[in-house]
C-alpha atoms as a PDB file:
ATOM      1  CA  MET A   1    -143.246  73.584  47.993  1.00  0.00           C
ATOM      2  CA  GLU A   2    -141.075  73.248  44.900  1.00  0.00           C
ATOM      3  CA  LYS A   3    -139.602  69.779  44.453  1.00  0.00           C
ATOM      4  CA  ARG A   4    -135.821  69.783  44.642  1.00  0.00           C
ATOM      5  CA  PRO A   5    -133.912  68.197  41.751  1.00  0.00           C
ATOM      6  CA  GLN A   6    -132.138  64.859  42.265  1.00  0.00           C
ATOM      7  CA  LEU A   7    -128.349  64.870  42.485  1.00  0.00           C
ATOM      8  CA  ASP A   8    -126.029  61.869  42.692  1.00  0.00           C
ATOM      9  CA  ILE A   9    -122.814  62.720  44.531  1.00  0.00           C
ATOM     10  CA  VAL A  10    -119.774  60.477  44.132  1.00  0.00           C
ATOM     11  CA  LEU A  11    -117.184  60.983  46.874  1.00  0.00           C
ATOM     12  CA  CYS A  12    -113.662  60.175  45.714  1.00  0.00           C
ATOM     13  CA  ALA A  13    -111.635  58.111  48.172  1.00  0.00           C
ATOM     14  CA  PRO A  14    -108.878  58.619  49.110  1.00  0.00           C
ATOM     15  CA  ARG A  15    -109.303  62.400  49.477  1.00  0.00           C
ATOM     16  CA  GLY A  16    -108.234  65.078  51.933  1.00  0.00           C
ATOM     17  CA  PHE A  17    -105.522  64.851  54.574  1.00  0.00           C
ATOM     18  CA  CYS A  18    -102.437  62.752  53.852  1.00  0.00           C
ATOM     19  CA  ALA A  19    -100.064  61.424  56.519  1.00  0.00           C
ATOM     20  CA  GLY A  20     -97.546  64.264  56.041  1.00  0.00           C
ATOM     21  CA  VAL A  21    -100.202  66.977  56.493  1.00  0.00           C
ATOM     22  CA  ASP A  22    -101.713  65.165  59.467  1.00  0.00           C
ATOM     23  CA  ARG A  23     -98.289  64.984  61.115  1.00  0.00           C
ATOM     24  CA  ALA A  24     -97.484  68.666  60.437  1.00  0.00           C
ATOM     25  CA  ILE A  25    -100.746  69.894  61.987  1.00  0.00           C
ATOM     26  CA  GLN A  26    -100.247  67.554  64.960  1.00  0.00           C
ATOM     27  CA  ILE A  27     -96.763  68.992  65.518  1.00  0.00           C
ATOM     28  CA  VAL A  28     -98.170  72.532  65.864  1.00  0.00           C
ATOM     29  CA  GLU A  29    -101.076  71.401  68.079  1.00  0.00           C
ATOM     30  CA  LEU A  30     -98.868  69.263  70.346  1.00  0.00           C
ATOM     31  CA  ALA A  31     -96.279  72.065  70.619  1.00  0.00           C
ATOM     32  CA  LEU A  32     -99.065  74.460  71.705  1.00  0.00           C
ATOM     33  CA  GLU A  33    -100.230  71.916  74.261  1.00  0.00           C
ATOM     34  CA  LYS A  34     -96.760  71.236  75.652  1.00  0.00           C
ATOM     35  CA  TYR A  35     -95.174  74.705  75.517  1.00  0.00           C
ATOM     36  CA  GLY A  36     -98.190  77.030  75.383  1.00  0.00           C
ATOM     37  CA  ALA A  37     -98.726  79.946  73.013  1.00  0.00           C
ATOM     38  CA  PRO A  38     -97.138  81.380  71.039  1.00  0.00           C
ATOM     39  CA  VAL A  39     -95.728  78.726  68.749  1.00  0.00           C
ATOM     40  CA  TYR A  40     -94.143  80.334  65.697  1.00  0.00           C
ATOM     41  CA  VAL A  41     -94.582  78.664  62.307  1.00  0.00           C
ATOM     42  CA  ARG A  42     -92.397  79.545  59.341  1.00  0.00           C
ATOM     43  CA  HIS A  43     -94.666  79.638  56.259  1.00  0.00           C
ATOM     44  CA  ALA A  44     -98.224  78.232  56.189  1.00  0.00           C
ATOM     45  CA  ILE A  45     -97.871  74.834  57.910  1.00  0.00           C
ATOM     46  CA  VAL A  46     -99.930  73.364  55.046  1.00  0.00           C
ATOM     47  CA  HIS A  47    -101.571  75.165  52.146  1.00  0.00           C
ATOM     48  CA  ASN A  48    -105.071  75.492  53.542  1.00  0.00           C
ATOM     49  CA  LYS A  49    -106.535  78.752  54.864  1.00  0.00           C
ATOM     50  CA  TYR A  50    -109.078  77.069  57.169  1.00  0.00           C
ATOM     51  CA  VAL A  51    -106.370  74.943  58.836  1.00  0.00           C
ATOM     52  CA  VAL A  52    -104.035  77.935  59.221  1.00  0.00           C
ATOM     53  CA  ASP A  53    -106.810  80.128  60.666  1.00  0.00           C
ATOM     54  CA  GLY A  54    -107.762  77.345  63.115  1.00  0.00           C
ATOM     55  CA  LEU A  55    -104.169  77.096  64.372  1.00  0.00           C
ATOM     56  CA  LYS A  56    -103.890  80.907  64.632  1.00  0.00           C
ATOM     57  CA  ALA A  57    -106.965  80.858  66.878  1.00  0.00           C
ATOM     58  CA  LYS A  58    -105.143  78.368  69.162  1.00  0.00           C
ATOM     59  CA  GLY A  59    -102.053  80.580  69.447  1.00  0.00           C
ATOM     60  CA  ALA A  60     -99.855  79.774  66.436  1.00  0.00           C
ATOM     61  CA  VAL A  61     -98.115  82.784  64.881  1.00  0.00           C
ATOM     62  CA  PHE A  62     -97.293  82.444  61.186  1.00  0.00           C
ATOM     63  CA  VAL A  63     -94.307  84.220  59.640  1.00  0.00           C
ATOM     64  CA  GLU A  64     -92.635  83.960  56.243  1.00  0.00           C
ATOM     65  CA  GLU A  65     -89.066  84.367  57.491  1.00  0.00           C
ATOM     66  CA  LEU A  66     -87.275  83.741  60.793  1.00  0.00           C
ATOM     67  CA  ASP A  67     -86.196  87.391  61.095  1.00  0.00           C
ATOM     68  CA  GLU A  68     -89.858  88.281  61.762  1.00  0.00           C
ATOM     69  CA  ILE A  69     -89.640  86.319  65.045  1.00  0.00           C
ATOM     70  CA  PRO A  70     -88.525  88.278  68.128  1.00  0.00           C
ATOM     71  CA  GLU A  71     -85.911  86.966  70.560  1.00  0.00           C
ATOM     72  CA  THR A  72     -87.822  84.048  72.069  1.00  0.00           C
ATOM     73  CA  GLU A  73     -87.660  80.657  73.743  1.00  0.00           C
ATOM     74  CA  ALA A  74     -90.950  79.694  72.085  1.00  0.00           C
ATOM     75  CA  PRO A  75     -90.793  76.807  69.602  1.00  0.00           C
ATOM     76  CA  VAL A  76     -90.481  77.519  65.886  1.00  0.00           C
ATOM     77  CA  VAL A  77     -92.019  74.986  63.471  1.00  0.00           C
ATOM     78  CA  PHE A  78     -90.884  74.558  59.855  1.00  0.00           C
ATOM     79  CA  SER A  79     -93.738  73.807  57.446  1.00  0.00           C
ATOM     80  CA  ALA A  80     -94.532  70.462  55.804  1.00  0.00           C
ATOM     81  CA  HIS A  81     -93.079  71.668  52.488  1.00  0.00           C
ATOM     82  CA  GLY A  82     -89.488  71.602  53.720  1.00  0.00           C
ATOM     83  CA  VAL A  83     -86.936  74.416  53.992  1.00  0.00           C
ATOM     84  CA  PRO A  84     -83.537  75.267  52.490  1.00  0.00           C
ATOM     85  CA  LYS A  85     -80.559  74.255  54.653  1.00  0.00           C
ATOM     86  CA  SER A  86     -79.936  77.934  55.412  1.00  0.00           C
ATOM     87  CA  VAL A  87     -83.113  78.087  57.545  1.00  0.00           C
ATOM     88  CA  PRO A  88     -82.168  75.580  60.307  1.00  0.00           C
ATOM     89  CA  ALA A  89     -78.623  76.999  60.188  1.00  0.00           C
ATOM     90  CA  ASP A  90     -80.046  80.496  60.822  1.00  0.00           C
ATOM     91  CA  ALA A  91     -82.286  79.123  63.610  1.00  0.00           C
ATOM     92  CA  ARG A  92     -79.275  77.477  65.309  1.00  0.00           C
ATOM     93  CA  SER A  93     -77.229  80.676  65.072  1.00  0.00           C
ATOM     94  CA  ARG A  94     -80.053  82.457  66.943  1.00  0.00           C
ATOM     95  CA  ASN A  95     -80.364  79.627  69.516  1.00  0.00           C
ATOM     96  CA  MET A  96     -83.953  78.981  68.477  1.00  0.00           C
ATOM     97  CA  PHE A  97     -85.740  75.825  69.568  1.00  0.00           C
ATOM     98  CA  PHE A  98     -87.164  74.477  66.317  1.00  0.00           C
ATOM     99  CA  LEU A  99     -89.328  71.520  65.303  1.00  0.00           C
ATOM    100  CA  ASP A 100     -89.177  70.324  61.723  1.00  0.00           C
ATOM    101  CA  ALA A 101     -92.595  69.387  60.279  1.00  0.00           C
ATOM    102  CA  THR A 102     -91.180  68.630  56.802  1.00  0.00           C
ATOM    103  CA  CYS A 103     -93.109  65.720  55.298  1.00  0.00           C
ATOM    104  CA  PRO A 104     -90.875  62.602  55.418  1.00  0.00           C
ATOM    105  CA  LEU A 105     -91.581  62.064  51.699  1.00  0.00           C
ATOM    106  CA  VAL A 106     -90.195  65.546  50.953  1.00  0.00           C
ATOM    107  CA  SER A 107     -87.186  64.795  53.186  1.00  0.00           C
ATOM    108  CA  LYS A 108     -86.637  61.667  51.064  1.00  0.00           C
ATOM    109  CA  VAL A 109     -86.302  63.890  47.953  1.00  0.00           C
ATOM    110  CA  HIS A 110     -83.802  66.098  49.847  1.00  0.00           C
ATOM    111  CA  VAL A 111     -81.716  63.034  50.703  1.00  0.00           C
ATOM    112  CA  GLU A 112     -81.827  61.827  47.064  1.00  0.00           C
ATOM    113  CA  ALA A 113     -80.666  65.231  45.797  1.00  0.00           C
ATOM    114  CA  GLN A 114     -77.794  65.252  48.310  1.00  0.00           C
ATOM    115  CA  ARG A 115     -76.801  61.696  47.354  1.00  0.00           C
ATOM    116  CA  HIS A 116     -76.763  62.529  43.621  1.00  0.00           C
ATOM    117  CA  HIS A 117     -74.689  65.640  44.340  1.00  0.00           C
ATOM    118  CA  ALA A 118     -72.206  63.654  46.444  1.00  0.00           C
ATOM    119  CA  GLU A 119     -71.883  61.156  43.573  1.00  0.00           C
ATOM    120  CA  GLY A 120     -71.015  63.986  41.177  1.00  0.00           C
ATOM    121  CA  HIS A 121     -74.309  64.066  39.275  1.00  0.00           C
ATOM    122  CA  GLU A 122     -75.711  67.168  37.634  1.00  0.00           C
ATOM    123  CA  ILE A 123     -79.267  67.397  38.988  1.00  0.00           C
ATOM    124  CA  VAL A 124     -82.578  68.270  37.336  1.00  0.00           C
ATOM    125  CA  LEU A 125     -85.554  69.042  39.584  1.00  0.00           C
ATOM    126  CA  ILE A 126     -88.995  68.690  37.980  1.00  0.00           C
ATOM    127  CA  GLY A 127     -91.302  71.126  39.764  1.00  0.00           C
ATOM    128  CA  HIS A 128     -93.015  74.528  39.894  1.00  0.00           C
ATOM    129  CA  ARG A 129     -90.828  77.602  40.288  1.00  0.00           C
ATOM    130  CA  GLY A 130     -91.403  79.450  43.563  1.00  0.00           C
ATOM    131  CA  HIS A 131     -93.300  76.619  45.281  1.00  0.00           C
ATOM    132  CA  PRO A 132     -91.918  76.320  48.842  1.00  0.00           C
ATOM    133  CA  GLU A 133     -91.126  72.628  48.326  1.00  0.00           C
ATOM    134  CA  VAL A 134     -89.019  73.484  45.256  1.00  0.00           C
ATOM    135  CA  VAL A 135     -87.288  76.328  47.121  1.00  0.00           C
ATOM    136  CA  GLY A 136     -86.526  73.894  49.971  1.00  0.00           C
ATOM    137  CA  THR A 137     -85.175  71.147  47.712  1.00  0.00           C
ATOM    138  CA  MET A 138     -82.995  73.519  45.679  1.00  0.00           C
ATOM    139  CA  GLY A 139     -81.745  74.988  48.961  1.00  0.00           C
ATOM    140  CA  GLN A 140     -80.290  71.635  50.084  1.00  0.00           C
ATOM    141  CA  LEU A 141     -77.294  72.144  47.771  1.00  0.00           C
ATOM    142  CA  PRO A 142     -74.943  74.943  46.758  1.00  0.00           C
ATOM    143  CA  GLU A 143     -76.474  77.439  44.343  1.00  0.00           C
ATOM    144  CA  GLY A 144     -76.325  76.294  40.731  1.00  0.00           C
ATOM    145  CA  SER A 145     -76.240  72.574  41.608  1.00  0.00           C
ATOM    146  CA  ILE A 146     -79.856  72.007  40.548  1.00  0.00           C
ATOM    147  CA  THR A 147     -81.612  73.029  37.326  1.00  0.00           C
ATOM    148  CA  LEU A 148     -85.398  73.442  37.537  1.00  0.00           C
ATOM    149  CA  VAL A 149     -87.451  71.965  34.686  1.00  0.00           C
ATOM    150  CA  GLU A 150     -91.168  72.861  34.688  1.00  0.00           C
ATOM    151  CA  THR A 151     -92.457  71.646  31.309  1.00  0.00           C
ATOM    152  CA  VAL A 152     -91.761  69.259  28.434  1.00  0.00           C
ATOM    153  CA  ALA A 153     -90.501  72.307  26.495  1.00  0.00           C
ATOM    154  CA  ASP A 154     -87.996  72.991  29.304  1.00  0.00           C
ATOM    155  CA  ALA A 155     -86.868  69.345  29.145  1.00  0.00           C
ATOM    156  CA  GLU A 156     -86.382  69.618  25.367  1.00  0.00           C
ATOM    157  CA  ALA A 157     -84.409  72.870  25.679  1.00  0.00           C
ATOM    158  CA  PHE A 158     -82.263  71.826  28.670  1.00  0.00           C
ATOM    159  CA  GLN A 159     -78.527  71.820  27.887  1.00  0.00           C
ATOM    160  CA  PRO A 160     -76.611  70.054  30.668  1.00  0.00           C
ATOM    161  CA  GLN A 161     -72.939  70.661  31.254  1.00  0.00           C
ATOM    162  CA  HIS A 162     -72.353  66.943  31.825  1.00  0.00           C
ATOM    163  CA  PRO A 163     -75.005  64.896  29.944  1.00  0.00           C
ATOM    164  CA  GLU A 164     -73.358  61.626  30.952  1.00  0.00           C
ATOM    165  CA  THR A 165     -73.764  62.272  34.719  1.00  0.00           C
ATOM    166  CA  LEU A 166     -77.356  63.507  34.943  1.00  0.00           C
ATOM    167  CA  ALA A 167     -79.926  62.685  37.627  1.00  0.00           C
ATOM    168  CA  PHE A 168     -83.455  63.919  38.293  1.00  0.00           C
ATOM    169  CA  VAL A 169     -85.730  64.310  41.310  1.00  0.00           C
ATOM    170  CA  THR A 170     -89.285  65.676  41.393  1.00  0.00           C
ATOM    171  CA  GLN A 171     -91.581  67.762  43.576  1.00  0.00           C
ATOM    172  CA  THR A 172     -93.952  65.420  45.459  1.00  0.00           C
ATOM    173  CA  THR A 173     -97.245  67.132  44.510  1.00  0.00           C
ATOM    174  CA  LEU A 174     -97.075  67.203  40.702  1.00  0.00           C
ATOM    175  CA  SER A 175     -99.458  65.814  38.102  1.00  0.00           C
ATOM    176  CA  VAL A 176     -98.471  62.181  37.588  1.00  0.00           C
ATOM    177  CA  ASP A 177     -99.236  62.402  33.839  1.00  0.00           C
ATOM    178  CA  ASP A 178     -97.394  65.700  33.256  1.00  0.00           C
ATOM    179  CA  THR A 179     -94.357  64.442  35.130  1.00  0.00           C
ATOM    180  CA  SER A 180     -94.181  61.182  33.203  1.00  0.00           C
ATOM    181  CA  GLU A 181     -94.178  63.200  29.934  1.00  0.00           C
ATOM    182  CA  ILE A 182     -91.304  65.358  31.197  1.00  0.00           C
ATOM    183  CA  VAL A 183     -89.372  62.298  32.416  1.00  0.00           C
ATOM    184  CA  ALA A 184     -89.959  60.586  29.040  1.00  0.00           C
ATOM    185  CA  ALA A 185     -88.500  63.622  27.227  1.00  0.00           C
ATOM    186  CA  LEU A 186     -85.443  63.637  29.518  1.00  0.00           C
ATOM    187  CA  ARG A 187     -84.915  59.869  29.158  1.00  0.00           C
ATOM    188  CA  ARG A 188     -85.221  60.090  25.377  1.00  0.00           C
ATOM    189  CA  ARG A 189     -82.585  62.828  25.212  1.00  0.00           C
ATOM    190  CA  PHE A 190     -80.352  61.461  27.971  1.00  0.00           C
ATOM    191  CA  PRO A 191     -80.787  57.663  28.193  1.00  0.00           C
ATOM    192  CA  ALA A 192     -78.228  57.385  31.014  1.00  0.00           C
ATOM    193  CA  ILE A 193     -80.096  59.815  33.322  1.00  0.00           C
ATOM    194  CA  ASN A 194     -80.453  58.532  36.902  1.00  0.00           C
ATOM    195  CA  GLY A 195     -83.984  58.561  38.335  1.00  0.00           C
ATOM    196  CA  PRO A 196     -85.185  58.082  41.905  1.00  0.00           C
ATOM    197  CA  HIS A 197     -85.136  54.514  43.324  1.00  0.00           C
ATOM    198  CA  LYS A 198     -88.844  54.978  43.867  1.00  0.00           C
ATOM    199  CA  GLU A 199     -91.144  57.576  42.292  1.00  0.00           C
ATOM    200  CA  ASP A 200     -90.847  60.941  44.084  1.00  0.00           C
ATOM    201  CA  ILE A 201     -94.484  61.943  43.548  1.00  0.00           C
ATOM    202  CA  CYS A 202     -95.983  60.915  46.855  1.00  0.00           C
ATOM    203  CA  TYR A 203     -98.505  58.133  47.370  1.00  0.00           C
ATOM    204  CA  ALA A 204    -101.212  60.610  48.432  1.00  0.00           C
ATOM    205  CA  THR A 205    -100.888  62.796  45.331  1.00  0.00           C
ATOM    206  CA  THR A 206    -100.939  59.709  43.102  1.00  0.00           C
ATOM    207  CA  ASN A 207    -103.945  58.142  44.858  1.00  0.00           C
ATOM    208  CA  ARG A 208    -106.027  61.324  44.856  1.00  0.00           C
ATOM    209  CA  GLN A 209    -105.350  61.926  41.157  1.00  0.00           C
ATOM    210  CA  GLU A 210    -106.219  58.320  40.304  1.00  0.00           C
ATOM    211  CA  ALA A 211    -109.546  58.545  42.184  1.00  0.00           C
ATOM    212  CA  VAL A 212    -110.481  61.776  40.360  1.00  0.00           C
ATOM    213  CA  LYS A 213    -109.419  60.276  37.027  1.00  0.00           C
ATOM    214  CA  GLN A 214    -111.853  57.398  37.539  1.00  0.00           C
ATOM    215  CA  VAL A 215    -114.825  59.473  38.720  1.00  0.00           C
ATOM    216  CA  ALA A 216    -114.487  62.597  36.530  1.00  0.00           C
ATOM    217  CA  PRO A 217    -115.628  61.060  33.189  1.00  0.00           C
ATOM    218  CA  GLU A 218    -118.852  59.780  34.807  1.00  0.00           C
ATOM    219  CA  VAL A 219    -120.108  63.030  36.378  1.00  0.00           C
ATOM    220  CA  ASP A 220    -121.470  66.355  35.095  1.00  0.00           C
ATOM    221  CA  ALA A 221    -119.285  68.415  37.420  1.00  0.00           C
ATOM    222  CA  MET A 222    -116.422  67.996  39.867  1.00  0.00           C
ATOM    223  CA  ILE A 223    -115.666  69.979  43.000  1.00  0.00           C
ATOM    224  CA  VAL A 224    -112.225  69.830  44.581  1.00  0.00           C
ATOM    225  CA  VAL A 225    -112.058  71.203  48.114  1.00  0.00           C
ATOM    226  CA  GLY A 226    -108.741  72.967  48.613  1.00  0.00           C
ATOM    227  CA  SER A 227    -106.954  76.306  48.678  1.00  0.00           C
ATOM    228  CA  PRO A 228    -105.741  78.075  45.516  1.00  0.00           C
ATOM    229  CA  ASN A 229    -102.112  77.996  46.775  1.00  0.00           C
ATOM    230  CA  SER A 230    -102.226  74.196  47.178  1.00  0.00           C
ATOM    231  CA  SER A 231    -100.297  72.555  44.338  1.00  0.00           C
ATOM    232  CA  ASN A 232    -101.844  69.111  44.742  1.00  0.00           C
ATOM    233  CA  SER A 233    -105.404  70.574  44.860  1.00  0.00           C
ATOM    234  CA  LEU A 234    -104.857  72.541  41.636  1.00  0.00           C
ATOM    235  CA  ARG A 235    -103.550  69.374  39.972  1.00  0.00           C
ATOM    236  CA  LEU A 236    -106.788  67.545  40.909  1.00  0.00           C
ATOM    237  CA  VAL A 237    -108.846  70.153  39.029  1.00  0.00           C
ATOM    238  CA  GLU A 238    -106.583  69.732  35.969  1.00  0.00           C
ATOM    239  CA  VAL A 239    -106.859  65.936  36.178  1.00  0.00           C
ATOM    240  CA  ALA A 240    -110.679  66.174  36.267  1.00  0.00           C
ATOM    241  CA  GLU A 241    -110.756  68.467  33.226  1.00  0.00           C
ATOM    242  CA  ARG A 242    -108.393  66.219  31.282  1.00  0.00           C
ATOM    243  CA  ALA A 243    -110.443  63.154  32.155  1.00  0.00           C
ATOM    244  CA  GLY A 244    -113.408  64.752  30.387  1.00  0.00           C
ATOM    245  CA  CYS A 245    -115.316  66.537  33.156  1.00  0.00           C
ATOM    246  CA  LYS A 246    -116.819  69.697  31.628  1.00  0.00           C
ATOM    247  CA  VAL A 247    -117.065  71.663  34.878  1.00  0.00           C
ATOM    248  CA  ALA A 248    -114.315  71.315  37.480  1.00  0.00           C
ATOM    249  CA  MET A 249    -113.847  73.890  40.219  1.00  0.00           C
ATOM    250  CA  LEU A 250    -111.604  74.429  43.224  1.00  0.00           C
ATOM    251  CA  VAL A 251    -113.321  75.823  46.333  1.00  0.00           C
ATOM    252  CA  ASP A 252    -111.832  76.659  49.715  1.00  0.00           C
ATOM    253  CA  ARG A 253    -115.252  76.625  51.389  1.00  0.00           C
ATOM    254  CA  ALA A 254    -118.873  75.897  50.407  1.00  0.00           C
ATOM    255  CA  SER A 255    -119.500  79.661  50.264  1.00  0.00           C
ATOM    256  CA  GLU A 256    -117.233  79.830  47.177  1.00  0.00           C
ATOM    257  CA  ILE A 257    -119.296  77.426  45.043  1.00  0.00           C
ATOM    258  CA  ASP A 258    -120.272  79.113  41.765  1.00  0.00           C
ATOM    259  CA  TRP A 259    -123.829  77.788  41.448  1.00  0.00           C
ATOM    260  CA  THR A 260    -124.272  79.403  38.011  1.00  0.00           C
ATOM    261  CA  ARG A 261    -121.808  76.872  36.582  1.00  0.00           C
ATOM    262  CA  LEU A 262    -123.798  73.967  37.995  1.00  0.00           C
ATOM    263  CA  ASP A 263    -127.175  74.591  36.352  1.00  0.00           C
ATOM    264  CA  GLY A 264    -128.854  71.368  35.265  1.00  0.00           C
ATOM    265  CA  ILE A 265    -126.283  68.942  36.717  1.00  0.00           C
ATOM    266  CA  ARG A 266    -127.497  65.513  37.793  1.00  0.00           C
ATOM    267  CA  SER A 267    -124.234  64.048  39.063  1.00  0.00           C
ATOM    268  CA  LEU A 268    -121.310  65.528  40.953  1.00  0.00           C
ATOM    269  CA  GLY A 269    -117.856  64.245  41.926  1.00  0.00           C
ATOM    270  CA  VAL A 270    -116.266  65.565  45.120  1.00  0.00           C
ATOM    271  CA  SER A 271    -112.617  65.296  46.133  1.00  0.00           C
ATOM    272  CA  ALA A 272    -110.276  67.233  48.403  1.00  0.00           C
ATOM    273  CA  GLY A 273    -106.608  68.140  48.247  1.00  0.00           C
ATOM    274  CA  ALA A 274    -104.172  66.585  50.714  1.00  0.00           C
ATOM    275  CA  SER A 275    -104.277  69.658  52.981  1.00  0.00           C
ATOM    276  CA  ALA A 276    -108.082  70.037  53.114  1.00  0.00           C
ATOM    277  CA  PRO A 277    -109.879  68.749  56.246  1.00  0.00           C
ATOM    278  CA  GLU A 278    -112.907  66.453  55.935  1.00  0.00           C
ATOM    279  CA  SER A 279    -115.118  68.984  57.765  1.00  0.00           C
ATOM    280  CA  LEU A 280    -114.928  71.206  54.653  1.00  0.00           C
ATOM    281  CA  VAL A 281    -116.038  68.305  52.444  1.00  0.00           C
ATOM    282  CA  ASP A 282    -119.020  67.816  54.797  1.00  0.00           C
ATOM    283  CA  GLU A 283    -119.783  71.532  54.505  1.00  0.00           C
ATOM    284  CA  VAL A 284    -119.846  71.297  50.686  1.00  0.00           C
ATOM    285  CA  ILE A 285    -122.149  68.268  50.742  1.00  0.00           C
ATOM    286  CA  GLU A 286    -124.478  70.064  53.170  1.00  0.00           C
ATOM    287  CA  ALA A 287    -124.642  73.049  50.775  1.00  0.00           C
ATOM    288  CA  PHE A 288    -125.792  70.691  47.991  1.00  0.00           C
ATOM    289  CA  ALA A 289    -128.262  68.969  50.345  1.00  0.00           C
ATOM    290  CA  GLN A 290    -130.004  72.318  50.826  1.00  0.00           C
ATOM    291  CA  ARG A 291    -130.575  72.683  47.080  1.00  0.00           C
ATOM    292  CA  TYR A 292    -130.958  69.098  45.876  1.00  0.00           C
ATOM    293  CA  GLU A 293    -132.310  65.727  46.923  1.00  0.00           C
ATOM    294  CA  ILE A 294    -128.911  64.106  47.226  1.00  0.00           C
ATOM    295  CA  LYS A 295    -127.766  60.511  47.125  1.00  0.00           C
ATOM    296  CA  VAL A 296    -124.149  60.069  48.188  1.00  0.00           C
ATOM    297  CA  GLU A 297    -121.908  57.131  47.313  1.00  0.00           C
ATOM    298  CA  SER A 298    -118.220  56.650  47.999  1.00  0.00           C
ATOM    299  CA  ARG A 299    -115.861  55.388  45.292  1.00  0.00           C
ATOM    300  CA  VAL A 300    -112.770  53.836  46.875  1.00  0.00           C
ATOM    301  CA  THR A 301    -109.823  53.381  44.500  1.00  0.00           C
ATOM    302  CA  ALA A 302    -107.079  52.773  47.117  1.00  0.00           C
ATOM    303  CA  ARG A 303    -106.658  52.213  50.848  1.00  0.00           C
ATOM    304  CA  GLU A 304    -104.230  54.340  52.850  1.00  0.00           C
ATOM    305  CA  ASN A 305    -102.894  53.336  56.249  1.00  0.00           C
ATOM    306  CA  ILE A 306     -99.676  55.317  56.416  1.00  0.00           C
ATOM    307  CA  ALA A 307     -98.790  57.340  59.534  1.00  0.00           C
ATOM    308  CA  PHE A 308     -95.606  59.261  60.362  1.00  0.00           C
ATOM    309  CA  ASN A 309     -94.156  59.780  63.848  1.00  0.00           C
ATOM    310  CA  VAL A 310     -94.023  63.253  65.362  1.00  0.00           C
ATOM    311  CA  PRO A 311     -90.608  64.519  66.592  1.00  0.00           C
ATOM    312  CA  ARG A 312     -89.277  62.893  69.767  1.00  0.00           C
ATOM    313  CA  GLU A 313     -89.802  66.058  71.863  1.00  0.00           C
ATOM    314  CA  LEU A 314     -93.571  65.792  71.345  1.00  0.00           C
ATOM    315  CA  ARG A 315     -94.143  62.051  71.656  1.00  0.00           C
ATOM    316  CA  SER A 316     -94.932  62.088  75.384  1.00  0.00           C
ATOM    317  CA  VAL A 317     -97.664  64.698  74.737  1.00  0.00           C
ATOM    318  CA  SER A 318     -99.198  62.712  71.887  1.00  0.00           C
ATOM    319  CA  VAL A 319     -99.402  59.611  74.118  1.00  0.00           C
ATOM    320  CA  GLN A 320    -101.230  61.650  76.817  1.00  0.00           C
ATOM    321  CA  VAL A 321    -103.596  63.140  74.233  1.00  0.00           C
ATOM    322  CA  ALA A 322    -104.315  59.721  72.750  1.00  0.00           C
ATOM    323  CA  GLY A 323    -104.849  58.288  76.225  1.00  0.00           C
END
């Protein structure tokens, strides 16, 4: 029997689920347990196909807009990415029972934007056009109140109406390095610009990028487990490439691994986006174990012990489940 090649696998930690994703999935599962199927969910609860498919199998029905939902008393859950103010207003006008699974760290950005607006600031949002979190944040305020800046070039070209009363907020899942370059350009041009009290990019995004940044230069290839529509997962691939890793790929499942790109590797880094479950990381490692003699070590760059409460309506169920 042919001897399998050796492969050292370095598991980045932290990786995978963050507290906001964990809470959002729990909200759908607890709602199914308490109210039964169907539970409607507006937009993918988190950006991971495996998670969404698993919840569909339990009775969750995913829609993009509320008008796709028939007249119903079933609960409607808003995704972790947050929604424009028009969405809960529409739900109330239709007497819908809704549960908001917006990540508390996204809600914090919404509150900051509203505070800046109330104080008369012109607001810049650093983020990716069309991402549901950006749509939700811009939808907290009247149209035209927020200008979206995606790149350093946008920051250089931006012409505010009131340069002396500027403020910025950011999407929570951006590249830490890219964002700091954009912020630096804005601060250089507008020294009086108001920033967040505390960095908007969430702890989980920052920690996962930092872990990849440390491991990527030491390995021949890097695999990030996550879906292609997940902003924070895509950023992890970019971070790995920038840190000097020659081969960095995003895979939803082990079946998507492009083995032709991994010829001759002796070391591999593995991470996972904040919406990717650990079972998919295990699946990827198992796929390598079938081809290589693997040695797995974990590289811990930060400890996370954050948890967010589920909405009050579901707390009695979560206590029963835990018990």
